Amino acid sequence: QSKDVPWYVAERGEYGITGLDLVRAYLLEDPGAVKILKPLGFGRGDLVIFGRYERKFENIRIAVPYYYKNFLGSGEIADYVRKRFGEYRLMEVSGSTEGFVSDMTADIGLDFTTFFLKSSKERQQTTLRSNGLVILDTIMPTEAVLIAKNKPEESFEQFERILNDRCK
């Protein structure tokens, strides 16, 4: 799965393709383990905070997939969320974070979402809208990226040569 690619590349692989959001989350835990060689220009989406509606929260519960928990443990995103919503408790979940917010087990959620254009004026958030949720904030845009072990001698050009040699 995409969430496992940064770990696999750092521990066993040479190169991998995954989402920019997942690489950034991994690097918070293990800085310098992998490096981004090149954005690939597909798989666009957003890492967002979402909820049922905008309201004032106290000691909120945030549903978050375990692979994003580092974003809310410390750093820029954690500081931003505290400034906007106050203190919070993390609910590490597997599966759909939307369900935990939709049934009010959690107050807000943080997860990746994609969109499609229903018309030229309207962005439809597929899983969020179908669960009666709205985006409260976009944390970061993301897309697919090529990553490698963080060794100075590795480069995208070297990866391309390897691929070309194997495809002949």
C-alpha atoms as a PDB file:
ATOM      1  CA  GLN A   1       0.000   0.000   0.000  1.00  0.00           C
ATOM      2  CA  SER A   2       1.058   3.587  -0.605  1.00  0.00           C
ATOM      3  CA  LYS A   3       1.452   4.295   3.120  1.00  0.00           C
ATOM      4  CA  ASP A   4       4.076   1.524   3.393  1.00  0.00           C
ATOM      5  CA  VAL A   5       6.273   2.697   0.498  1.00  0.00           C
ATOM      6  CA  PRO A   6       8.451   5.222   2.410  1.00  0.00           C
ATOM      7  CA  TRP A   7       9.175   2.637   5.123  1.00  0.00           C
ATOM      8  CA  TYR A   8       9.947  -0.058   2.535  1.00  0.00           C
ATOM      9  CA  VAL A   9      12.293   2.185   0.526  1.00  0.00           C
ATOM     10  CA  ALA A  10      14.128   3.328   3.665  1.00  0.00           C
ATOM     11  CA  GLU A  11      14.531  -0.218   4.989  1.00  0.00           C
ATOM     12  CA  ARG A  12      14.817  -2.474   1.945  1.00  0.00           C
ATOM     13  CA  GLY A  13      14.204  -0.857  -1.419  1.00  0.00           C
ATOM     14  CA  GLU A  14      16.002   1.538  -3.650  1.00  0.00           C
ATOM     15  CA  TYR A  15      13.137   3.532  -5.205  1.00  0.00           C
ATOM     16  CA  GLY A  16       9.388   3.851  -4.798  1.00  0.00           C
ATOM     17  CA  ILE A  17       6.317   5.805  -5.866  1.00  0.00           C
ATOM     18  CA  THR A  18       3.876   7.119  -3.267  1.00  0.00           C
ATOM     19  CA  GLY A  19       2.040  10.267  -2.193  1.00  0.00           C
ATOM     20  CA  LEU A  20       3.864  13.402  -1.119  1.00  0.00           C
ATOM     21  CA  ASP A  21       1.700  13.535   2.026  1.00  0.00           C
ATOM     22  CA  LEU A  22       2.819  10.043   3.062  1.00  0.00           C
ATOM     23  CA  VAL A  23       6.491  10.887   2.501  1.00  0.00           C
ATOM     24  CA  ARG A  24       6.183  14.026   4.632  1.00  0.00           C
ATOM     25  CA  ALA A  25       4.413  12.098   7.404  1.00  0.00           C
ATOM     26  CA  TYR A  26       7.139   9.428   7.339  1.00  0.00           C
ATOM     27  CA  LEU A  27       9.951  11.990   7.409  1.00  0.00           C
ATOM     28  CA  LEU A  28       8.563  13.499  10.619  1.00  0.00           C
ATOM     29  CA  GLU A  29       9.247  10.135  12.260  1.00  0.00           C
ATOM     30  CA  ASP A  30      12.544   9.376  10.487  1.00  0.00           C
ATOM     31  CA  PRO A  31      14.039  12.568   9.007  1.00  0.00           C
ATOM     32  CA  GLY A  32      16.510  11.986   6.207  1.00  0.00           C
ATOM     33  CA  ALA A  33      15.595   8.331   5.628  1.00  0.00           C
ATOM     34  CA  VAL A  34      14.352   8.912   2.080  1.00  0.00           C
ATOM     35  CA  LYS A  35      14.405  11.767  -0.371  1.00  0.00           C
ATOM     36  CA  ILE A  36      11.990  12.945  -3.027  1.00  0.00           C
ATOM     37  CA  LEU A  37      13.547  12.677  -6.470  1.00  0.00           C
ATOM     38  CA  LYS A  38      10.720  13.948  -8.632  1.00  0.00           C
ATOM     39  CA  PRO A  39       7.016  14.860  -8.524  1.00  0.00           C
ATOM     40  CA  LEU A  40       5.242  12.640 -11.070  1.00  0.00           C
ATOM     41  CA  GLY A  41       2.322  14.927 -11.927  1.00  0.00           C
ATOM     42  CA  PHE A  42      -0.549  12.535 -11.164  1.00  0.00           C
ATOM     43  CA  GLY A  43      -2.550  11.365  -8.162  1.00  0.00           C
ATOM     44  CA  ARG A  44      -3.473  14.868  -7.099  1.00  0.00           C
ATOM     45  CA  GLY A  45      -5.546  15.410  -3.987  1.00  0.00           C
ATOM     46  CA  ASP A  46      -5.464  17.206  -0.662  1.00  0.00           C
ATOM     47  CA  LEU A  47      -4.774  16.403   2.958  1.00  0.00           C
ATOM     48  CA  VAL A  48      -7.703  18.077   4.719  1.00  0.00           C
ATOM     49  CA  ILE A  49      -9.379  18.677   8.056  1.00  0.00           C
ATOM     50  CA  PHE A  50     -13.098  18.007   7.832  1.00  0.00           C
ATOM     51  CA  GLY A  51     -16.163  17.963  10.050  1.00  0.00           C
ATOM     52  CA  ARG A  52     -19.931  18.054  10.097  1.00  0.00           C
ATOM     53  CA  TYR A  53     -19.933  21.864  10.197  1.00  0.00           C
ATOM     54  CA  GLU A  54     -17.858  24.750  11.493  1.00  0.00           C
ATOM     55  CA  ARG A  55     -18.259  25.225  15.242  1.00  0.00           C
ATOM     56  CA  LYS A  56     -16.302  25.975  18.402  1.00  0.00           C
ATOM     57  CA  PHE A  57     -14.796  22.867  19.933  1.00  0.00           C
ATOM     58  CA  GLU A  58     -13.381  22.132  23.366  1.00  0.00           C
ATOM     59  CA  ASN A  59     -10.860  19.320  23.826  1.00  0.00           C
ATOM     60  CA  ILE A  60     -11.784  17.944  20.437  1.00  0.00           C
ATOM     61  CA  ARG A  61     -11.365  14.379  19.275  1.00  0.00           C
ATOM     62  CA  ILE A  62      -9.585  14.149  15.910  1.00  0.00           C
ATOM     63  CA  ALA A  63      -9.907  10.948  13.887  1.00  0.00           C
ATOM     64  CA  VAL A  64      -6.640  10.386  12.041  1.00  0.00           C
ATOM     65  CA  PRO A  65      -5.183   7.380  10.180  1.00  0.00           C
ATOM     66  CA  TYR A  66      -2.187   6.058  12.125  1.00  0.00           C
ATOM     67  CA  TYR A  67       0.192   6.966   9.292  1.00  0.00           C
ATOM     68  CA  TYR A  68      -0.712  10.669   9.665  1.00  0.00           C
ATOM     69  CA  LYS A  69      -0.537  10.793  13.475  1.00  0.00           C
ATOM     70  CA  ASN A  70       2.931  12.392  13.368  1.00  0.00           C
ATOM     71  CA  PHE A  71       1.456  15.462  11.672  1.00  0.00           C
ATOM     72  CA  LEU A  72      -0.646  16.101  14.769  1.00  0.00           C
ATOM     73  CA  GLY A  73       1.946  15.048  17.345  1.00  0.00           C
ATOM     74  CA  SER A  74       4.162  18.089  16.893  1.00  0.00           C
ATOM     75  CA  GLY A  75       5.311  20.593  14.316  1.00  0.00           C
ATOM     76  CA  GLU A  76       3.649  23.135  12.058  1.00  0.00           C
ATOM     77  CA  ILE A  77       0.386  21.297  11.442  1.00  0.00           C
ATOM     78  CA  ALA A  78      -0.064  20.470  15.138  1.00  0.00           C
ATOM     79  CA  ASP A  79       0.564  24.119  16.056  1.00  0.00           C
ATOM     80  CA  TYR A  80      -1.931  25.289  13.444  1.00  0.00           C
ATOM     81  CA  VAL A  81      -4.642  22.861  14.614  1.00  0.00           C
ATOM     82  CA  ARG A  82      -4.136  23.906  18.271  1.00  0.00           C
ATOM     83  CA  LYS A  83      -4.362  27.568  17.331  1.00  0.00           C
ATOM     84  CA  ARG A  84      -7.561  26.983  15.350  1.00  0.00           C
ATOM     85  CA  PHE A  85      -9.338  24.389  17.519  1.00  0.00           C
ATOM     86  CA  GLY A  86      -7.579  24.368  20.902  1.00  0.00           C
ATOM     87  CA  GLU A  87      -6.298  21.259  22.651  1.00  0.00           C
ATOM     88  CA  TYR A  88      -7.187  17.919  21.113  1.00  0.00           C
ATOM     89  CA  ARG A  89      -7.041  14.170  21.549  1.00  0.00           C
ATOM     90  CA  LEU A  90      -5.991  11.919  18.703  1.00  0.00           C
ATOM     91  CA  MET A  91      -8.082   8.927  17.754  1.00  0.00           C
ATOM     92  CA  GLU A  92      -5.863   6.739  15.593  1.00  0.00           C
ATOM     93  CA  VAL A  93      -8.171   4.824  13.286  1.00  0.00           C
ATOM     94  CA  SER A  94      -7.903   2.318  10.505  1.00  0.00           C
ATOM     95  CA  GLY A  95     -10.354   2.495   7.666  1.00  0.00           C
ATOM     96  CA  SER A  96     -12.557   5.447   6.869  1.00  0.00           C
ATOM     97  CA  THR A  97     -12.016   8.495   9.072  1.00  0.00           C
ATOM     98  CA  GLU A  98     -15.187   9.942   7.536  1.00  0.00           C
ATOM     99  CA  GLY A  99     -17.313   7.351   9.328  1.00  0.00           C
ATOM    100  CA  PHE A 100     -15.962   8.325  12.764  1.00  0.00           C
ATOM    101  CA  VAL A 101     -16.796  11.981  12.162  1.00  0.00           C
ATOM    102  CA  SER A 102     -20.110  11.285  10.456  1.00  0.00           C
ATOM    103  CA  ASP A 103     -21.403   9.221  13.409  1.00  0.00           C
ATOM    104  CA  MET A 104     -19.966  11.806  15.884  1.00  0.00           C
ATOM    105  CA  THR A 105     -17.467   9.415  17.496  1.00  0.00           C
ATOM    106  CA  ALA A 106     -14.913  12.113  16.563  1.00  0.00           C
ATOM    107  CA  ASP A 107     -15.410  15.869  16.236  1.00  0.00           C
ATOM    108  CA  ILE A 108     -13.196  16.379  13.191  1.00  0.00           C
ATOM    109  CA  GLY A 109     -10.994  14.265  10.958  1.00  0.00           C
ATOM    110  CA  LEU A 110      -7.724  14.614   9.115  1.00  0.00           C
ATOM    111  CA  ASP A 111      -7.246  12.554   5.957  1.00  0.00           C
ATOM    112  CA  PHE A 112      -6.525  12.553   2.236  1.00  0.00           C
ATOM    113  CA  THR A 113      -9.323  13.325  -0.203  1.00  0.00           C
ATOM    114  CA  THR A 114      -9.712  13.640  -3.950  1.00  0.00           C
ATOM    115  CA  PHE A 115     -12.319  15.511  -5.927  1.00  0.00           C
ATOM    116  CA  PHE A 116     -14.007  15.399  -9.274  1.00  0.00           C
ATOM    117  CA  LEU A 117     -15.651  18.217 -11.194  1.00  0.00           C
ATOM    118  CA  LYS A 118     -19.410  17.777 -11.471  1.00  0.00           C
ATOM    119  CA  SER A 119     -19.545  21.032 -13.391  1.00  0.00           C
ATOM    120  CA  SER A 120     -17.046  23.730 -14.182  1.00  0.00           C
ATOM    121  CA  LYS A 121     -18.128  25.656 -11.039  1.00  0.00           C
ATOM    122  CA  GLU A 122     -18.481  22.885  -8.475  1.00  0.00           C
ATOM    123  CA  ARG A 123     -15.855  20.666  -6.821  1.00  0.00           C
ATOM    124  CA  GLN A 124     -17.413  17.512  -5.439  1.00  0.00           C
ATOM    125  CA  GLN A 125     -15.582  15.944  -2.518  1.00  0.00           C
ATOM    126  CA  THR A 126     -16.557  12.350  -3.118  1.00  0.00           C
ATOM    127  CA  THR A 127     -16.416  10.562   0.247  1.00  0.00           C
ATOM    128  CA  LEU A 128     -16.788  13.664   2.402  1.00  0.00           C
ATOM    129  CA  ARG A 129     -19.938  14.976   0.773  1.00  0.00           C
ATOM    130  CA  SER A 130     -21.543  11.531   0.734  1.00  0.00           C
ATOM    131  CA  ASN A 131     -21.066  11.398   4.535  1.00  0.00           C
ATOM    132  CA  GLY A 132     -22.541  14.870   5.110  1.00  0.00           C
ATOM    133  CA  LEU A 133     -19.141  16.405   5.922  1.00  0.00           C
ATOM    134  CA  VAL A 134     -17.429  19.594   4.825  1.00  0.00           C
ATOM    135  CA  ILE A 135     -13.785  20.594   4.484  1.00  0.00           C
ATOM    136  CA  LEU A 136     -12.784  22.964   7.271  1.00  0.00           C
ATOM    137  CA  ASP A 137      -9.208  23.447   6.009  1.00  0.00           C
ATOM    138  CA  THR A 138      -6.835  22.154   3.386  1.00  0.00           C
ATOM    139  CA  ILE A 139      -3.593  21.226   5.137  1.00  0.00           C
ATOM    140  CA  MET A 140      -1.529  20.465   2.032  1.00  0.00           C
ATOM    141  CA  PRO A 141      -1.964  19.554  -1.601  1.00  0.00           C
ATOM    142  CA  THR A 142      -0.375  16.254  -2.529  1.00  0.00           C
ATOM    143  CA  GLU A 143       0.531  14.188  -5.574  1.00  0.00           C
ATOM    144  CA  ALA A 144       2.501  11.085  -6.499  1.00  0.00           C
ATOM    145  CA  VAL A 145       6.279  11.381  -6.135  1.00  0.00           C
ATOM    146  CA  LEU A 146       9.287   9.216  -6.897  1.00  0.00           C
ATOM    147  CA  ILE A 147      11.402   8.605  -3.790  1.00  0.00           C
ATOM    148  CA  ALA A 148      14.769   6.962  -3.097  1.00  0.00           C
ATOM    149  CA  LYS A 149      16.948   6.049  -0.154  1.00  0.00           C
ATOM    150  CA  ASN A 150      18.680   9.171   0.992  1.00  0.00           C
ATOM    151  CA  LYS A 151      22.121   8.458  -0.390  1.00  0.00           C
ATOM    152  CA  PRO A 152      24.035  11.333  -2.006  1.00  0.00           C
ATOM    153  CA  GLU A 153      25.138   9.268  -5.019  1.00  0.00           C
ATOM    154  CA  GLU A 154      21.570   8.394  -6.068  1.00  0.00           C
ATOM    155  CA  SER A 155      19.717  10.552  -8.549  1.00  0.00           C
ATOM    156  CA  PHE A 156      16.664  10.491 -10.765  1.00  0.00           C
ATOM    157  CA  GLU A 157      18.910  10.128 -13.823  1.00  0.00           C
ATOM    158  CA  GLN A 158      20.423   6.963 -12.325  1.00  0.00           C
ATOM    159  CA  PHE A 159      16.915   5.593 -11.725  1.00  0.00           C
ATOM    160  CA  GLU A 160      15.943   6.344 -15.336  1.00  0.00           C
ATOM    161  CA  ARG A 161      19.044   4.490 -16.601  1.00  0.00           C
ATOM    162  CA  ILE A 162      18.206   1.465 -14.447  1.00  0.00           C
ATOM    163  CA  LEU A 163      14.623   1.452 -15.733  1.00  0.00           C
ATOM    164  CA  ASN A 164      15.729   1.821 -19.356  1.00  0.00           C
ATOM    165  CA  ASP A 165      18.232  -1.026 -19.000  1.00  0.00           C
ATOM    166  CA  ARG A 166      15.583  -3.322 -17.501  1.00  0.00           C
ATOM    167  CA  CYS A 167      13.010  -2.462 -20.157  1.00  0.00           C
ATOM    168  CA  LYS A 168      15.270  -3.305 -23.119  1.00  0.00           C
END
